[in-house]
Amino acid sequence: MRHYGAATKPNISAVQTSLQSLVRPCQSSVMLQKLSLIFIMLCFACSDCAAVPKPHVIAFGKWTSAKWPNATGQKLLDLKVRPLFVDTRLREYTTGTPHDVTDRLFVVRRAFRVNDALPTETANPNSNIPRWQWQRGGWLLVDRLTGRVSQLNLPEFDPFYSTASWYRDYIAYCGVSEDGKKLYVVVAQVGRRKPILKKDAGEPGGADDPDSECPPPVWERTPLRVTFQPDDDQRLVFSIRGRVVDVVNDAEGAEE
């Protein structure tokens, strides 16, 4: 007769171990999914931050009195200059009053220093000291949003003789040819390479003093006009319609 022993008990510890081995991969998978989600959210946050442009701080420094020479170099004239800073870094020196073109862009006259030392004065290594001399330059365009500072291309603009008059994004001035034999009345617009007006106005008659070629042109709002008067006998009036310039004679201007 076959005798059976006591009923065998189930191996509970083996079952628990197998369950734990199944739970651990599940927990690791959930953790990995959470970490991946956090990483994706951080990437989106970083991309959003990168898309927002960094604000720039644009400021002028204190005015400084300087000297600069006249046309012959035999007379020194007074000049007020001040530095232009972008994010506390010196970018340029400027002179005169800025003109706001838009709420984002403004223009200002540039000033700079050149080394006026002669080769014979710098031949001796012991006396090789720069002889700095201030000069007026052209006009700078400053972007408040990007912090960019660029120089405007103004055809026939003479830093010594030309006197600029700004209205909106237009600049009017009397320009002098490179050979110094021709005088032009010029109207340029910010963002355009070529001037919208460049007309021969005869021969230059400027003296040794700056801004002596012709007075600042006079702007009118309605209708949009600009008047040049290079001398007492010459008065040139131009009507501007966008990028189109019409000549207005003196009789027509008087009637209106």
C-alpha atoms as a PDB file:
ATOM      1  CA  MET A   1       0.000   0.000   0.000  1.00  0.00           C
ATOM      2  CA  ARG A   2       1.448   3.310  -1.098  1.00  0.00           C
ATOM      3  CA  HIS A   3       1.775   5.954   1.549  1.00  0.00           C
ATOM      4  CA  TYR A   4       1.682   9.578   0.609  1.00  0.00           C
ATOM      5  CA  GLY A   5       3.495  12.125   2.610  1.00  0.00           C
ATOM      6  CA  ALA A   6       2.243  15.510   3.681  1.00  0.00           C
ATOM      7  CA  ALA A   7       1.114  17.890   0.928  1.00  0.00           C
ATOM      8  CA  THR A   8       3.987  19.962  -0.403  1.00  0.00           C
ATOM      9  CA  LYS A   9       3.738  23.688   0.427  1.00  0.00           C
ATOM     10  CA  PRO A  10       4.019  26.207  -2.427  1.00  0.00           C
ATOM     11  CA  ASN A  11       7.328  28.086  -2.662  1.00  0.00           C
ATOM     12  CA  ILE A  12       6.116  31.592  -1.719  1.00  0.00           C
ATOM     13  CA  SER A  13       9.576  33.139  -1.697  1.00  0.00           C
ATOM     14  CA  ALA A  14      10.151  32.088  -5.287  1.00  0.00           C
ATOM     15  CA  VAL A  15       6.885  33.705  -6.335  1.00  0.00           C
ATOM     16  CA  GLN A  16       7.760  36.949  -4.539  1.00  0.00           C
ATOM     17  CA  THR A  17      11.165  37.015  -6.187  1.00  0.00           C
ATOM     18  CA  SER A  18       9.658  36.545  -9.635  1.00  0.00           C
ATOM     19  CA  LEU A  19       7.089  39.304  -8.967  1.00  0.00           C
ATOM     20  CA  GLN A  20       9.809  41.676  -7.833  1.00  0.00           C
ATOM     21  CA  SER A  21      11.776  40.902 -10.964  1.00  0.00           C
ATOM     22  CA  LEU A  22       8.720  41.894 -12.998  1.00  0.00           C
ATOM     23  CA  VAL A  23       7.958  45.067 -11.005  1.00  0.00           C
ATOM     24  CA  ARG A  24      11.479  46.476 -11.251  1.00  0.00           C
ATOM     25  CA  PRO A  25      11.509  46.754 -15.078  1.00  0.00           C
ATOM     26  CA  CYS A  26       8.075  48.376 -14.942  1.00  0.00           C
ATOM     27  CA  GLN A  27       9.259  50.935 -12.409  1.00  0.00           C
ATOM     28  CA  SER A  28      12.371  51.632 -14.487  1.00  0.00           C
ATOM     29  CA  SER A  29      10.244  52.145 -17.596  1.00  0.00           C
ATOM     30  CA  VAL A  30       7.914  54.597 -15.797  1.00  0.00           C
ATOM     31  CA  MET A  31      10.911  56.491 -14.419  1.00  0.00           C
ATOM     32  CA  LEU A  32      12.474  56.674 -17.861  1.00  0.00           C
ATOM     33  CA  GLN A  33       9.242  58.045 -19.318  1.00  0.00           C
ATOM     34  CA  LYS A  34       9.076  60.737 -16.617  1.00  0.00           C
ATOM     35  CA  LEU A  35      12.692  61.748 -17.215  1.00  0.00           C
ATOM     36  CA  SER A  36      12.092  61.897 -20.968  1.00  0.00           C
ATOM     37  CA  LEU A  37       9.023  64.099 -20.432  1.00  0.00           C
ATOM     38  CA  ILE A  38      11.003  66.457 -18.157  1.00  0.00           C
ATOM     39  CA  PHE A  39      13.825  66.627 -20.715  1.00  0.00           C
ATOM     40  CA  ILE A  40      11.390  67.488 -23.529  1.00  0.00           C
ATOM     41  CA  MET A  41       9.773  70.218 -21.417  1.00  0.00           C
ATOM     42  CA  LEU A  42      13.192  71.690 -20.628  1.00  0.00           C
ATOM     43  CA  CYS A  43      14.078  71.702 -24.328  1.00  0.00           C
ATOM     44  CA  PHE A  44      10.885  73.608 -25.151  1.00  0.00           C
ATOM     45  CA  ALA A  45      11.582  76.090 -22.366  1.00  0.00           C
ATOM     46  CA  CYS A  46      15.143  76.646 -23.595  1.00  0.00           C
ATOM     47  CA  SER A  47      13.970  77.138 -27.179  1.00  0.00           C
ATOM     48  CA  ASP A  48      11.384  79.690 -26.032  1.00  0.00           C
ATOM     49  CA  CYS A  49      14.028  81.572 -24.060  1.00  0.00           C
ATOM     50  CA  ALA A  50      16.395  81.523 -27.015  1.00  0.00           C
ATOM     51  CA  ALA A  51      13.693  82.950 -29.277  1.00  0.00           C
ATOM     52  CA  VAL A  52      13.286  86.029 -27.049  1.00  0.00           C
ATOM     53  CA  PRO A  53      15.917  88.623 -28.098  1.00  0.00           C
ATOM     54  CA  LYS A  54      18.210  89.858 -25.378  1.00  0.00           C
ATOM     55  CA  PRO A  55      17.514  93.511 -24.553  1.00  0.00           C
ATOM     56  CA  HIS A  56      20.394  95.884 -25.180  1.00  0.00           C
ATOM     57  CA  VAL A  57      21.272  98.921 -23.114  1.00  0.00           C
ATOM     58  CA  ILE A  58      22.274 101.883 -25.293  1.00  0.00           C
ATOM     59  CA  ALA A  59      23.491 105.017 -23.551  1.00  0.00           C
ATOM     60  CA  PHE A  60      25.600 108.116 -24.110  1.00  0.00           C
ATOM     61  CA  GLY A  61      28.437 109.177 -21.846  1.00  0.00           C
ATOM     62  CA  LYS A  62      29.339 112.636 -20.602  1.00  0.00           C
ATOM     63  CA  TRP A  63      30.166 115.490 -22.955  1.00  0.00           C
ATOM     64  CA  THR A  64      33.838 116.312 -23.411  1.00  0.00           C
ATOM     65  CA  SER A  65      35.301 119.495 -24.887  1.00  0.00           C
ATOM     66  CA  ALA A  66      37.752 118.896 -27.739  1.00  0.00           C
ATOM     67  CA  LYS A  67      39.490 120.740 -30.574  1.00  0.00           C
ATOM     68  CA  TRP A  68      39.481 120.011 -34.291  1.00  0.00           C
ATOM     69  CA  PRO A  69      41.141 121.886 -37.195  1.00  0.00           C
ATOM     70  CA  ASN A  70      39.537 124.031 -39.875  1.00  0.00           C
ATOM     71  CA  ALA A  71      39.994 123.387 -43.610  1.00  0.00           C
ATOM     72  CA  THR A  72      43.566 124.745 -43.644  1.00  0.00           C
ATOM     73  CA  GLY A  73      44.581 123.162 -40.363  1.00  0.00           C
ATOM     74  CA  GLN A  74      45.866 126.497 -39.095  1.00  0.00           C
ATOM     75  CA  LYS A  75      42.988 127.134 -36.712  1.00  0.00           C
ATOM     76  CA  LEU A  76      41.527 124.898 -34.024  1.00  0.00           C
ATOM     77  CA  LEU A  77      37.783 124.896 -33.496  1.00  0.00           C
ATOM     78  CA  ASP A  78      35.684 123.837 -30.522  1.00  0.00           C
ATOM     79  CA  LEU A  79      33.990 120.449 -30.673  1.00  0.00           C
ATOM     80  CA  LYS A  80      31.784 118.666 -28.151  1.00  0.00           C
ATOM     81  CA  VAL A  81      32.034 114.860 -28.191  1.00  0.00           C
ATOM     82  CA  ARG A  82      30.586 112.069 -26.073  1.00  0.00           C
ATOM     83  CA  PRO A  83      30.911 108.270 -26.162  1.00  0.00           C
ATOM     84  CA  LEU A  84      28.193 105.868 -27.285  1.00  0.00           C
ATOM     85  CA  PHE A  85      27.927 102.686 -25.216  1.00  0.00           C
ATOM     86  CA  VAL A  86      26.138  99.453 -26.104  1.00  0.00           C
ATOM     87  CA  ASP A  87      25.794  97.091 -23.127  1.00  0.00           C
ATOM     88  CA  THR A  88      28.434  99.146 -21.243  1.00  0.00           C
ATOM     89  CA  ARG A  89      30.923  98.676 -24.119  1.00  0.00           C
ATOM     90  CA  LEU A  90      32.286 101.704 -25.967  1.00  0.00           C
ATOM     91  CA  ARG A  91      31.244 101.543 -29.622  1.00  0.00           C
ATOM     92  CA  GLU A  92      31.786 105.031 -31.068  1.00  0.00           C
ATOM     93  CA  TYR A  93      32.299 108.678 -30.225  1.00  0.00           C
ATOM     94  CA  THR A  94      29.567 111.049 -31.340  1.00  0.00           C
ATOM     95  CA  THR A  95      28.851 114.757 -31.664  1.00  0.00           C
ATOM     96  CA  GLY A  96      25.680 116.772 -32.056  1.00  0.00           C
ATOM     97  CA  THR A  97      22.066 115.883 -31.305  1.00  0.00           C
ATOM     98  CA  PRO A  98      20.631 112.451 -32.257  1.00  0.00           C
ATOM     99  CA  HIS A  99      17.567 112.178 -34.483  1.00  0.00           C
ATOM    100  CA  ASP A 100      14.914 109.529 -33.843  1.00  0.00           C
ATOM    101  CA  VAL A 101      13.975 107.911 -37.149  1.00  0.00           C
ATOM    102  CA  THR A 102      11.534 105.432 -35.578  1.00  0.00           C
ATOM    103  CA  ASP A 103      10.888 104.172 -32.058  1.00  0.00           C
ATOM    104  CA  ARG A 104      13.577 101.570 -32.774  1.00  0.00           C
ATOM    105  CA  LEU A 105      16.159 103.417 -34.921  1.00  0.00           C
ATOM    106  CA  PHE A 106      18.014 106.668 -34.400  1.00  0.00           C
ATOM    107  CA  VAL A 107      20.900 108.419 -36.136  1.00  0.00           C
ATOM    108  CA  VAL A 108      23.754 110.437 -34.675  1.00  0.00           C
ATOM    109  CA  ARG A 109      26.851 112.162 -36.061  1.00  0.00           C
ATOM    110  CA  ARG A 110      30.131 110.286 -35.659  1.00  0.00           C
ATOM    111  CA  ALA A 111      33.356 111.730 -34.260  1.00  0.00           C
ATOM    112  CA  PHE A 112      36.741 110.027 -34.265  1.00  0.00           C
ATOM    113  CA  ARG A 113      40.451 110.618 -33.704  1.00  0.00           C
ATOM    114  CA  VAL A 114      43.241 110.279 -36.259  1.00  0.00           C
ATOM    115  CA  ASN A 115      46.976 110.173 -35.660  1.00  0.00           C
ATOM    116  CA  ASP A 116      48.333 113.466 -37.011  1.00  0.00           C
ATOM    117  CA  ALA A 117      51.994 112.645 -36.324  1.00  0.00           C
ATOM    118  CA  LEU A 118      54.429 113.017 -39.250  1.00  0.00           C
ATOM    119  CA  PRO A 119      56.790 110.167 -40.196  1.00  0.00           C
ATOM    120  CA  THR A 120      59.751 112.289 -39.091  1.00  0.00           C
ATOM    121  CA  GLU A 121      58.110 112.763 -35.700  1.00  0.00           C
ATOM    122  CA  THR A 122      57.693 109.028 -35.173  1.00  0.00           C
ATOM    123  CA  ALA A 123      61.050 107.904 -36.620  1.00  0.00           C
ATOM    124  CA  ASN A 124      62.683 108.029 -33.207  1.00  0.00           C
ATOM    125  CA  PRO A 125      61.518 105.040 -31.130  1.00  0.00           C
ATOM    126  CA  ASN A 126      61.866 107.132 -27.984  1.00  0.00           C
ATOM    127  CA  SER A 127      59.400 109.727 -29.290  1.00  0.00           C
ATOM    128  CA  ASN A 128      56.954 107.422 -31.061  1.00  0.00           C
ATOM    129  CA  ILE A 129      53.892 108.991 -29.444  1.00  0.00           C
ATOM    130  CA  PRO A 130      50.622 109.328 -31.416  1.00  0.00           C
ATOM    131  CA  ARG A 131      49.388 112.840 -31.999  1.00  0.00           C
ATOM    132  CA  TRP A 132      45.651 112.414 -31.813  1.00  0.00           C
ATOM    133  CA  GLN A 133      43.409 114.885 -33.590  1.00  0.00           C
ATOM    134  CA  TRP A 134      39.621 114.942 -33.527  1.00  0.00           C
ATOM    135  CA  GLN A 135      37.598 114.904 -36.738  1.00  0.00           C
ATOM    136  CA  ARG A 136      33.920 114.852 -37.620  1.00  0.00           C
ATOM    137  CA  GLY A 137      32.648 111.849 -39.542  1.00  0.00           C
ATOM    138  CA  GLY A 138      29.435 110.798 -41.235  1.00  0.00           C
ATOM    139  CA  TRP A 139      26.220 109.571 -39.639  1.00  0.00           C
ATOM    140  CA  LEU A 140      25.654 106.399 -37.624  1.00  0.00           C
ATOM    141  CA  LEU A 141      22.459 104.315 -37.607  1.00  0.00           C
ATOM    142  CA  VAL A 142      21.747 102.718 -34.216  1.00  0.00           C
ATOM    143  CA  ASP A 143      19.245  99.897 -33.695  1.00  0.00           C
ATOM    144  CA  ARG A 144      17.912  99.875 -30.141  1.00  0.00           C
ATOM    145  CA  LEU A 145      16.564  96.306 -30.453  1.00  0.00           C
ATOM    146  CA  THR A 146      19.638  94.517 -31.815  1.00  0.00           C
ATOM    147  CA  GLY A 147      22.282  96.920 -30.513  1.00  0.00           C
ATOM    148  CA  ARG A 148      23.796  97.200 -33.976  1.00  0.00           C
ATOM    149  CA  VAL A 149      25.678 100.380 -34.898  1.00  0.00           C
ATOM    150  CA  SER A 150      26.346 100.930 -38.616  1.00  0.00           C
ATOM    151  CA  GLN A 151      27.532 103.814 -40.753  1.00  0.00           C
ATOM    152  CA  LEU A 152      25.115 105.311 -43.259  1.00  0.00           C
ATOM    153  CA  ASN A 153      26.135 105.513 -46.899  1.00  0.00           C
ATOM    154  CA  LEU A 154      25.565 109.159 -47.874  1.00  0.00           C
ATOM    155  CA  PRO A 155      26.710 109.978 -51.431  1.00  0.00           C
ATOM    156  CA  GLU A 156      28.845 113.129 -51.789  1.00  0.00           C
ATOM    157  CA  PHE A 157      28.494 113.913 -48.079  1.00  0.00           C
ATOM    158  CA  ASP A 158      31.444 116.038 -46.944  1.00  0.00           C
ATOM    159  CA  PRO A 159      32.150 115.688 -43.201  1.00  0.00           C
ATOM    160  CA  PHE A 160      33.579 119.206 -43.080  1.00  0.00           C
ATOM    161  CA  TYR A 161      31.278 121.241 -45.343  1.00  0.00           C
ATOM    162  CA  SER A 162      27.961 119.333 -45.468  1.00  0.00           C
ATOM    163  CA  THR A 163      25.208 120.347 -43.056  1.00  0.00           C
ATOM    164  CA  ALA A 164      22.517 117.696 -42.690  1.00  0.00           C
ATOM    165  CA  SER A 165      18.834 118.304 -42.057  1.00  0.00           C
ATOM    166  CA  TRP A 166      16.715 115.307 -40.994  1.00  0.00           C
ATOM    167  CA  TYR A 167      12.991 114.713 -41.382  1.00  0.00           C
ATOM    168  CA  ARG A 168      11.523 111.269 -40.715  1.00  0.00           C
ATOM    169  CA  ASP A 169      13.900 108.864 -42.507  1.00  0.00           C
ATOM    170  CA  TYR A 170      15.014 111.509 -45.030  1.00  0.00           C
ATOM    171  CA  ILE A 171      18.267 113.447 -44.867  1.00  0.00           C
ATOM    172  CA  ALA A 172      18.941 116.541 -46.983  1.00  0.00           C
ATOM    173  CA  TYR A 173      22.342 118.183 -47.415  1.00  0.00           C
ATOM    174  CA  CYS A 174      24.659 119.940 -49.842  1.00  0.00           C
ATOM    175  CA  GLY A 175      27.292 117.502 -51.048  1.00  0.00           C
ATOM    176  CA  VAL A 176      30.673 118.108 -52.644  1.00  0.00           C
ATOM    177  CA  SER A 177      32.216 115.943 -55.380  1.00  0.00           C
ATOM    178  CA  GLU A 178      35.422 114.045 -54.672  1.00  0.00           C
ATOM    179  CA  ASP A 179      37.491 116.451 -56.784  1.00  0.00           C
ATOM    180  CA  GLY A 180      35.918 119.421 -54.968  1.00  0.00           C
ATOM    181  CA  LYS A 181      34.713 121.066 -58.207  1.00  0.00           C
ATOM    182  CA  LYS A 182      30.966 120.384 -58.059  1.00  0.00           C
ATOM    183  CA  LEU A 183      28.244 121.109 -55.537  1.00  0.00           C
ATOM    184  CA  TYR A 184      25.167 118.882 -55.296  1.00  0.00           C
ATOM    185  CA  VAL A 185      21.864 119.102 -53.460  1.00  0.00           C
ATOM    186  CA  VAL A 186      21.105 115.640 -52.127  1.00  0.00           C
ATOM    187  CA  VAL A 187      18.153 113.926 -50.467  1.00  0.00           C
ATOM    188  CA  ALA A 188      18.747 110.380 -49.244  1.00  0.00           C
ATOM    189  CA  GLN A 189      16.549 107.904 -47.419  1.00  0.00           C
ATOM    190  CA  VAL A 190      17.552 105.417 -44.749  1.00  0.00           C
ATOM    191  CA  GLY A 191      17.623 101.898 -46.192  1.00  0.00           C
ATOM    192  CA  ARG A 192      18.222 102.981 -49.796  1.00  0.00           C
ATOM    193  CA  ARG A 193      21.630 102.785 -51.447  1.00  0.00           C
ATOM    194  CA  LYS A 194      21.040 105.492 -54.027  1.00  0.00           C
ATOM    195  CA  PRO A 195      19.804 108.989 -53.176  1.00  0.00           C
ATOM    196  CA  ILE A 196      16.278 109.919 -54.246  1.00  0.00           C
ATOM    197  CA  LEU A 197      17.624 113.331 -55.286  1.00  0.00           C
ATOM    198  CA  LYS A 198      21.052 114.390 -56.526  1.00  0.00           C
ATOM    199  CA  LYS A 199      21.125 117.601 -58.532  1.00  0.00           C
ATOM    200  CA  ASP A 200      24.031 119.717 -59.707  1.00  0.00           C
ATOM    201  CA  ALA A 201      23.993 123.099 -57.954  1.00  0.00           C
ATOM    202  CA  GLY A 202      27.084 124.711 -59.473  1.00  0.00           C
ATOM    203  CA  GLU A 203      30.535 125.124 -57.974  1.00  0.00           C
ATOM    204  CA  PRO A 204      31.387 124.954 -54.271  1.00  0.00           C
ATOM    205  CA  GLY A 205      31.968 128.259 -52.559  1.00  0.00           C
ATOM    206  CA  GLY A 206      32.706 127.212 -48.990  1.00  0.00           C
ATOM    207  CA  ALA A 207      35.230 129.041 -46.848  1.00  0.00           C
ATOM    208  CA  ASP A 208      37.732 127.611 -44.391  1.00  0.00           C
ATOM    209  CA  ASP A 209      35.066 127.197 -41.719  1.00  0.00           C
ATOM    210  CA  PRO A 210      32.907 124.081 -41.328  1.00  0.00           C
ATOM    211  CA  ASP A 211      29.314 123.988 -42.579  1.00  0.00           C
ATOM    212  CA  SER A 212      30.029 126.988 -44.801  1.00  0.00           C
ATOM    213  CA  GLU A 213      28.965 125.431 -48.118  1.00  0.00           C
ATOM    214  CA  CYS A 214      25.242 126.083 -47.676  1.00  0.00           C
ATOM    215  CA  PRO A 215      22.767 126.558 -44.796  1.00  0.00           C
ATOM    216  CA  PRO A 216      20.811 123.556 -43.499  1.00  0.00           C
ATOM    217  CA  PRO A 217      17.970 122.652 -45.905  1.00  0.00           C
ATOM    218  CA  VAL A 218      14.473 123.523 -44.687  1.00  0.00           C
ATOM    219  CA  TRP A 219      11.723 120.890 -44.554  1.00  0.00           C
ATOM    220  CA  GLU A 220       7.965 121.383 -44.866  1.00  0.00           C
ATOM    221  CA  ARG A 221       5.437 118.767 -43.791  1.00  0.00           C
ATOM    222  CA  THR A 222       2.335 119.498 -45.890  1.00  0.00           C
ATOM    223  CA  PRO A 223       3.065 119.237 -48.706  1.00  0.00           C
ATOM    224  CA  LEU A 224       6.319 117.398 -48.114  1.00  0.00           C
ATOM    225  CA  ARG A 225       9.007 119.708 -49.459  1.00  0.00           C
ATOM    226  CA  VAL A 226      12.620 120.592 -48.889  1.00  0.00           C
ATOM    227  CA  THR A 227      14.308 123.873 -49.779  1.00  0.00           C
ATOM    228  CA  PHE A 228      18.017 124.365 -50.528  1.00  0.00           C
ATOM    229  CA  GLN A 229      19.673 127.757 -50.733  1.00  0.00           C
ATOM    230  CA  PRO A 230      23.355 127.308 -51.620  1.00  0.00           C
ATOM    231  CA  ASP A 231      23.762 131.080 -52.038  1.00  0.00           C
ATOM    232  CA  ASP A 232      21.725 134.288 -51.940  1.00  0.00           C
ATOM    233  CA  ASP A 233      20.847 134.070 -55.632  1.00  0.00           C
ATOM    234  CA  GLN A 234      19.854 130.418 -55.774  1.00  0.00           C
ATOM    235  CA  ARG A 235      16.819 128.807 -54.141  1.00  0.00           C
ATOM    236  CA  LEU A 236      15.894 125.240 -55.001  1.00  0.00           C
ATOM    237  CA  VAL A 237      12.611 123.693 -53.833  1.00  0.00           C
ATOM    238  CA  PHE A 238      11.733 120.018 -54.273  1.00  0.00           C
ATOM    239  CA  SER A 239       8.495 118.182 -53.558  1.00  0.00           C
ATOM    240  CA  ILE A 240       8.890 114.605 -52.342  1.00  0.00           C
ATOM    241  CA  ARG A 241       6.243 111.939 -52.850  1.00  0.00           C
ATOM    242  CA  GLY A 242       7.578 108.676 -51.483  1.00  0.00           C
ATOM    243  CA  ARG A 243      10.545 107.958 -53.734  1.00  0.00           C
ATOM    244  CA  VAL A 244       9.562 110.499 -56.366  1.00  0.00           C
ATOM    245  CA  VAL A 245      10.998 114.016 -56.324  1.00  0.00           C
ATOM    246  CA  ASP A 246       9.471 116.892 -58.282  1.00  0.00           C
ATOM    247  CA  VAL A 247      11.079 120.270 -58.897  1.00  0.00           C
ATOM    248  CA  VAL A 248       9.069 123.213 -57.585  1.00  0.00           C
ATOM    249  CA  ASN A 249      10.066 126.604 -59.011  1.00  0.00           C
ATOM    250  CA  ASP A 250       9.997 129.799 -56.988  1.00  0.00           C
ATOM    251  CA  ALA A 251       6.883 131.178 -58.702  1.00  0.00           C
ATOM    252  CA  GLU A 252       4.883 128.033 -57.960  1.00  0.00           C
ATOM    253  CA  GLY A 253       6.067 128.033 -54.375  1.00  0.00           C
ATOM    254  CA  ALA A 254       5.012 131.681 -53.927  1.00  0.00           C
ATOM    255  CA  GLU A 255       1.538 131.052 -55.356  1.00  0.00           C
ATOM    256  CA  GLU A 256       0.920 128.228 -52.878  1.00  0.00           C
END
